[in-house]
Amino acid sequence: MDMKRRIHLELRNRTPADVKELVLDNCRSKDGKIEGLTDEFEELEFLSTINVCLSSVANLPKLNKLKKLELSDNNISGGLEVLAEKCPNLTHLNLSGNRIKDLSTIEPLKKLESLKSLDLFNCEVTNLSDYRENVFKLLPQLTYLDGYDHDEKEAPDSDAEAYVEGLDDEDDDEDDWRLNYTHLQSVGD
């Protein structure tokens, strides 16, 4: 399924401005670029585009409220300056499994002042000597790199999965309300 069609399906009769979370994993991008995503998604806080054959984030629209961006298992090898320009409030970025080979590729992330967590698992850059130390020097705003802080302490469960689970919990509250209402109705009969 292509990305535009997937976005249409994910909207589920909502307007783009109503969407806070968008998961486009495993769909296909055309020409390795993001397509169908517009700046109308102004409330978007979480975007996941895992394994969609992206080679560029150049077409990313302005997403001021985006906090967490999943770009793992794609073909991205550069062009990350777009993220600082289009997603200035990013706190979590997952670039695992991409074609990032050297520190100069991630240097534009310095401009993401709110960036706290960066994942680069399965990228060639992780094979460089003193990789962790050099990334923390290059990006002093980071708290976690590949799930661990500067002292090798594991990050608490505040990653993207926990965020998505938190969104799911909101739906559970609604279901609980319906169940309680139904239960009260049957007790009243």
C-alpha atoms as a PDB file:
ATOM      1  CA  MET A   1       0.000   0.000   0.000  1.00  0.00           C
ATOM      2  CA  ASP A   2       1.364   3.420  -0.840  1.00  0.00           C
ATOM      3  CA  MET A   3       1.837   6.143   1.765  1.00  0.00           C
ATOM      4  CA  LYS A   4      -0.905   8.503   0.510  1.00  0.00           C
ATOM      5  CA  ARG A   5      -3.512   5.748   0.650  1.00  0.00           C
ATOM      6  CA  ARG A   6      -2.337   4.666   4.099  1.00  0.00           C
ATOM      7  CA  ILE A   7      -2.659   8.232   5.418  1.00  0.00           C
ATOM      8  CA  HIS A   8      -6.183   8.408   4.001  1.00  0.00           C
ATOM      9  CA  LEU A   9      -7.099   5.148   5.777  1.00  0.00           C
ATOM     10  CA  GLU A  10      -5.475   6.235   9.048  1.00  0.00           C
ATOM     11  CA  LEU A  11      -7.545   9.432   9.107  1.00  0.00           C
ATOM     12  CA  ARG A  12     -10.735   7.397   9.719  1.00  0.00           C
ATOM     13  CA  ASN A  13     -13.085  10.303   8.924  1.00  0.00           C
ATOM     14  CA  ARG A  14     -11.033  12.754  11.003  1.00  0.00           C
ATOM     15  CA  THR A  15      -9.472  15.925   9.682  1.00  0.00           C
ATOM     16  CA  PRO A  16      -5.659  16.068   9.637  1.00  0.00           C
ATOM     17  CA  ALA A  17      -5.811  18.734  12.377  1.00  0.00           C
ATOM     18  CA  ASP A  18      -7.467  16.187  14.720  1.00  0.00           C
ATOM     19  CA  VAL A  19      -4.643  13.639  14.442  1.00  0.00           C
ATOM     20  CA  LYS A  20      -2.030  13.451  17.221  1.00  0.00           C
ATOM     21  CA  GLU A  21      -0.551  10.076  16.279  1.00  0.00           C
ATOM     22  CA  LEU A  22       0.098   8.671  12.810  1.00  0.00           C
ATOM     23  CA  VAL A  23       1.582   5.223  12.182  1.00  0.00           C
ATOM     24  CA  LEU A  24       2.547   4.519   8.575  1.00  0.00           C
ATOM     25  CA  ASP A  25       4.879   1.563   9.179  1.00  0.00           C
ATOM     26  CA  ASN A  26       5.503  -0.880   6.326  1.00  0.00           C
ATOM     27  CA  CYS A  27       3.696   1.084   3.618  1.00  0.00           C
ATOM     28  CA  ARG A  28       5.670   2.204   0.552  1.00  0.00           C
ATOM     29  CA  SER A  29       6.968   5.660  -0.210  1.00  0.00           C
ATOM     30  CA  LYS A  30       7.193   6.801  -3.808  1.00  0.00           C
ATOM     31  CA  ASP A  31      10.726   7.667  -4.930  1.00  0.00           C
ATOM     32  CA  GLY A  32      11.980   7.271  -1.339  1.00  0.00           C
ATOM     33  CA  LYS A  33      10.201  10.423  -0.171  1.00  0.00           C
ATOM     34  CA  ILE A  34       7.405  11.223   2.254  1.00  0.00           C
ATOM     35  CA  GLU A  35       4.149  11.803   0.391  1.00  0.00           C
ATOM     36  CA  GLY A  36       0.616  12.701   1.403  1.00  0.00           C
ATOM     37  CA  LEU A  37       1.652  14.305   4.687  1.00  0.00           C
ATOM     38  CA  THR A  38       0.888  18.028   4.836  1.00  0.00           C
ATOM     39  CA  ASP A  39       1.230  20.872   7.311  1.00  0.00           C
ATOM     40  CA  GLU A  40      -2.505  20.421   7.987  1.00  0.00           C
ATOM     41  CA  PHE A  41      -1.368  17.784  10.528  1.00  0.00           C
ATOM     42  CA  GLU A  42      -0.631  20.683  12.880  1.00  0.00           C
ATOM     43  CA  GLU A  43      -1.441  18.750  16.094  1.00  0.00           C
ATOM     44  CA  LEU A  44       0.697  15.714  15.206  1.00  0.00           C
ATOM     45  CA  GLU A  45       2.917  14.674  18.146  1.00  0.00           C
ATOM     46  CA  PHE A  46       3.966  11.157  17.095  1.00  0.00           C
ATOM     47  CA  LEU A  47       4.853   9.989  13.579  1.00  0.00           C
ATOM     48  CA  SER A  48       6.091   6.515  12.735  1.00  0.00           C
ATOM     49  CA  THR A  49       7.412   5.668   9.280  1.00  0.00           C
ATOM     50  CA  ILE A  50       9.302   2.445   9.985  1.00  0.00           C
ATOM     51  CA  ASN A  51      10.353   0.379   6.962  1.00  0.00           C
ATOM     52  CA  VAL A  52       8.758   2.524   4.262  1.00  0.00           C
ATOM     53  CA  CYS A  53      11.803   2.738   1.928  1.00  0.00           C
ATOM     54  CA  LEU A  54      12.522   6.395   2.730  1.00  0.00           C
ATOM     55  CA  SER A  55      15.811   7.759   1.452  1.00  0.00           C
ATOM     56  CA  SER A  56      14.969  11.400   2.179  1.00  0.00           C
ATOM     57  CA  VAL A  57      12.996  13.454   4.698  1.00  0.00           C
ATOM     58  CA  ALA A  58      13.053  16.504   2.392  1.00  0.00           C
ATOM     59  CA  ASN A  59       9.267  16.405   1.814  1.00  0.00           C
ATOM     60  CA  LEU A  60       8.460  16.461   5.519  1.00  0.00           C
ATOM     61  CA  PRO A  61       5.965  19.277   6.167  1.00  0.00           C
ATOM     62  CA  LYS A  62       6.251  21.775   9.019  1.00  0.00           C
ATOM     63  CA  LEU A  63       5.151  19.863  12.146  1.00  0.00           C
ATOM     64  CA  ASN A  64       5.727  22.212  15.091  1.00  0.00           C
ATOM     65  CA  LYS A  65       4.135  19.939  17.705  1.00  0.00           C
ATOM     66  CA  LEU A  66       5.898  16.742  16.630  1.00  0.00           C
ATOM     67  CA  LYS A  67       7.769  15.288  19.623  1.00  0.00           C
ATOM     68  CA  LYS A  68       8.551  11.720  18.555  1.00  0.00           C
ATOM     69  CA  LEU A  69       9.643  10.596  15.113  1.00  0.00           C
ATOM     70  CA  GLU A  70      10.305   6.979  14.167  1.00  0.00           C
ATOM     71  CA  LEU A  71      12.342   6.647  10.965  1.00  0.00           C
ATOM     72  CA  SER A  72      13.994   3.275  11.578  1.00  0.00           C
ATOM     73  CA  ASP A  73      14.708   0.649   8.920  1.00  0.00           C
ATOM     74  CA  ASN A  74      14.805   3.011   5.949  1.00  0.00           C
ATOM     75  CA  ASN A  75      17.555   4.148   3.545  1.00  0.00           C
ATOM     76  CA  ILE A  76      18.266   7.608   4.974  1.00  0.00           C
ATOM     77  CA  SER A  77      21.901   8.656   4.624  1.00  0.00           C
ATOM     78  CA  GLY A  78      21.709  12.429   5.127  1.00  0.00           C
ATOM     79  CA  GLY A  79      19.584  15.539   4.784  1.00  0.00           C
ATOM     80  CA  LEU A  80      18.768  15.695   8.499  1.00  0.00           C
ATOM     81  CA  GLU A  81      18.909  19.515   8.563  1.00  0.00           C
ATOM     82  CA  VAL A  82      15.267  19.351   7.405  1.00  0.00           C
ATOM     83  CA  LEU A  83      14.300  17.922  10.808  1.00  0.00           C
ATOM     84  CA  ALA A  84      15.587  20.979  12.676  1.00  0.00           C
ATOM     85  CA  GLU A  85      13.712  23.273  10.309  1.00  0.00           C
ATOM     86  CA  LYS A  86      10.417  21.361  10.079  1.00  0.00           C
ATOM     87  CA  CYS A  87      10.200  19.660  13.507  1.00  0.00           C
ATOM     88  CA  PRO A  88      11.831  22.122  15.931  1.00  0.00           C
ATOM     89  CA  ASN A  89      10.299  20.566  19.075  1.00  0.00           C
ATOM     90  CA  LEU A  90      11.411  16.988  18.477  1.00  0.00           C
ATOM     91  CA  THR A  91      12.392  15.202  21.715  1.00  0.00           C
ATOM     92  CA  HIS A  92      12.793  11.591  20.468  1.00  0.00           C
ATOM     93  CA  LEU A  93      14.276  10.528  17.136  1.00  0.00           C
ATOM     94  CA  ASN A  94      14.817   6.946  16.011  1.00  0.00           C
ATOM     95  CA  LEU A  95      17.108   6.551  12.996  1.00  0.00           C
ATOM     96  CA  SER A  96      18.077   2.919  13.671  1.00  0.00           C
ATOM     97  CA  GLY A  97      18.740   0.742  10.648  1.00  0.00           C
ATOM     98  CA  ASN A  98      19.500   3.591   8.244  1.00  0.00           C
ATOM     99  CA  ARG A  99      22.603   4.391   6.176  1.00  0.00           C
ATOM    100  CA  ILE A 100      24.181   6.870   8.553  1.00  0.00           C
ATOM    101  CA  LYS A 101      27.943   6.416   8.305  1.00  0.00           C
ATOM    102  CA  ASP A 102      29.589   9.364  10.021  1.00  0.00           C
ATOM    103  CA  LEU A 103      29.104  11.993  12.696  1.00  0.00           C
ATOM    104  CA  SER A 104      28.841  14.842  10.177  1.00  0.00           C
ATOM    105  CA  THR A 105      25.526  13.343   9.027  1.00  0.00           C
ATOM    106  CA  ILE A 106      23.949  13.861  12.461  1.00  0.00           C
ATOM    107  CA  GLU A 107      25.590  17.248  13.095  1.00  0.00           C
ATOM    108  CA  PRO A 108      22.472  19.186  11.918  1.00  0.00           C
ATOM    109  CA  LEU A 109      20.617  17.667  14.904  1.00  0.00           C
ATOM    110  CA  LYS A 110      22.505  20.188  17.101  1.00  0.00           C
ATOM    111  CA  LYS A 111      19.779  22.658  16.185  1.00  0.00           C
ATOM    112  CA  LEU A 112      17.122  20.441  17.797  1.00  0.00           C
ATOM    113  CA  GLU A 113      17.467  21.971  21.255  1.00  0.00           C
ATOM    114  CA  SER A 114      14.714  19.789  22.780  1.00  0.00           C
ATOM    115  CA  LEU A 115      16.127  16.491  21.471  1.00  0.00           C
ATOM    116  CA  LYS A 116      16.633  14.174  24.458  1.00  0.00           C
ATOM    117  CA  SER A 117      16.735  10.714  22.892  1.00  0.00           C
ATOM    118  CA  LEU A 118      18.436   9.536  19.694  1.00  0.00           C
ATOM    119  CA  ASP A 119      18.623   5.948  18.441  1.00  0.00           C
ATOM    120  CA  LEU A 120      21.171   4.917  15.816  1.00  0.00           C
ATOM    121  CA  PHE A 121      21.247   1.114  16.323  1.00  0.00           C
ATOM    122  CA  ASN A 122      22.318  -0.793  13.208  1.00  0.00           C
ATOM    123  CA  CYS A 123      23.801   2.282  11.540  1.00  0.00           C
ATOM    124  CA  GLU A 124      27.443   2.219  10.413  1.00  0.00           C
ATOM    125  CA  VAL A 125      28.202   5.288  12.540  1.00  0.00           C
ATOM    126  CA  THR A 126      27.959   3.101  15.669  1.00  0.00           C
ATOM    127  CA  ASN A 127      31.145   1.271  14.585  1.00  0.00           C
ATOM    128  CA  LEU A 128      33.305   4.397  14.894  1.00  0.00           C
ATOM    129  CA  SER A 129      35.775   4.459  17.776  1.00  0.00           C
ATOM    130  CA  ASP A 130      34.483   6.442  20.771  1.00  0.00           C
ATOM    131  CA  TYR A 131      31.103   6.644  19.021  1.00  0.00           C
ATOM    132  CA  ARG A 132      29.014   7.276  22.152  1.00  0.00           C
ATOM    133  CA  GLU A 133      31.404   9.804  23.651  1.00  0.00           C
ATOM    134  CA  ASN A 134      31.616  11.717  20.365  1.00  0.00           C
ATOM    135  CA  VAL A 135      27.851  11.796  19.816  1.00  0.00           C
ATOM    136  CA  PHE A 136      27.271  13.126  23.350  1.00  0.00           C
ATOM    137  CA  LYS A 137      29.928  15.810  22.672  1.00  0.00           C
ATOM    138  CA  LEU A 138      28.382  16.708  19.329  1.00  0.00           C
ATOM    139  CA  LEU A 139      24.818  16.774  20.708  1.00  0.00           C
ATOM    140  CA  PRO A 140      25.099  17.969  24.338  1.00  0.00           C
ATOM    141  CA  GLN A 141      21.312  18.312  24.641  1.00  0.00           C
ATOM    142  CA  LEU A 142      20.942  14.500  24.441  1.00  0.00           C
ATOM    143  CA  THR A 143      20.086  12.551  27.561  1.00  0.00           C
ATOM    144  CA  TYR A 144      19.875   9.128  25.888  1.00  0.00           C
ATOM    145  CA  LEU A 145      21.723   7.574  22.975  1.00  0.00           C
ATOM    146  CA  ASP A 146      20.580   4.140  21.822  1.00  0.00           C
ATOM    147  CA  GLY A 147      18.509   3.775  24.994  1.00  0.00           C
ATOM    148  CA  TYR A 148      21.304   4.594  27.471  1.00  0.00           C
ATOM    149  CA  ASP A 149      22.487   7.817  29.107  1.00  0.00           C
ATOM    150  CA  HIS A 150      26.086   9.068  29.188  1.00  0.00           C
ATOM    151  CA  ASP A 151      26.798   6.827  32.220  1.00  0.00           C
ATOM    152  CA  GLU A 152      25.405   3.715  30.462  1.00  0.00           C
ATOM    153  CA  LYS A 153      22.197   3.742  32.541  1.00  0.00           C
ATOM    154  CA  GLU A 154      19.189   2.465  30.637  1.00  0.00           C
ATOM    155  CA  ALA A 155      16.448   4.931  29.764  1.00  0.00           C
ATOM    156  CA  PRO A 156      13.180   4.540  31.683  1.00  0.00           C
ATOM    157  CA  ASP A 157      10.184   3.322  29.703  1.00  0.00           C
ATOM    158  CA  SER A 158       9.384   6.762  28.344  1.00  0.00           C
ATOM    159  CA  ASP A 159      10.091   5.897  24.750  1.00  0.00           C
ATOM    160  CA  ALA A 160       7.760   5.999  21.765  1.00  0.00           C
ATOM    161  CA  GLU A 161       6.088   2.704  22.703  1.00  0.00           C
ATOM    162  CA  ALA A 162       5.125   4.060  26.109  1.00  0.00           C
ATOM    163  CA  TYR A 163       3.809   7.194  24.424  1.00  0.00           C
ATOM    164  CA  VAL A 164       1.626   5.167  22.060  1.00  0.00           C
ATOM    165  CA  GLU A 165       0.430   3.003  24.959  1.00  0.00           C
ATOM    166  CA  GLY A 166      -0.541   6.217  26.754  1.00  0.00           C
ATOM    167  CA  LEU A 167      -2.657   7.225  23.774  1.00  0.00           C
ATOM    168  CA  ASP A 168      -4.240   3.770  23.802  1.00  0.00           C
ATOM    169  CA  ASP A 169      -5.052   4.187  27.516  1.00  0.00           C
ATOM    170  CA  GLU A 170      -7.234   7.177  26.655  1.00  0.00           C
ATOM    171  CA  ASP A 171      -9.358   4.881  24.489  1.00  0.00           C
ATOM    172  CA  ASP A 172      -9.557   2.366  27.358  1.00  0.00           C
ATOM    173  CA  ASP A 173     -11.029   5.044  29.636  1.00  0.00           C
ATOM    174  CA  GLU A 174     -13.790   5.619  27.108  1.00  0.00           C
ATOM    175  CA  ASP A 175     -14.501   1.875  26.947  1.00  0.00           C
ATOM    176  CA  ASP A 176     -14.557   1.683  30.775  1.00  0.00           C
ATOM    177  CA  TRP A 177     -17.135   4.469  30.844  1.00  0.00           C
ATOM    178  CA  ARG A 178     -19.356   2.560  28.403  1.00  0.00           C
ATOM    179  CA  LEU A 179     -19.003  -0.624  30.438  1.00  0.00           C
ATOM    180  CA  ASN A 180     -19.858   1.185  33.673  1.00  0.00           C
ATOM    181  CA  TYR A 181     -22.858   2.882  32.075  1.00  0.00           C
ATOM    182  CA  THR A 182     -24.102  -0.458  30.702  1.00  0.00           C
ATOM    183  CA  HIS A 183     -23.598  -2.071  34.105  1.00  0.00           C
ATOM    184  CA  LEU A 184     -25.541   0.717  35.845  1.00  0.00           C
ATOM    185  CA  GLN A 185     -28.376   0.364  33.341  1.00  0.00           C
ATOM    186  CA  SER A 186     -28.670  -3.377  33.997  1.00  0.00           C
ATOM    187  CA  VAL A 187     -28.572  -2.831  37.785  1.00  0.00           C
ATOM    188  CA  GLY A 188     -31.392  -0.311  37.493  1.00  0.00           C
ATOM    189  CA  ASP A 189     -33.651  -2.801  35.642  1.00  0.00           C
END
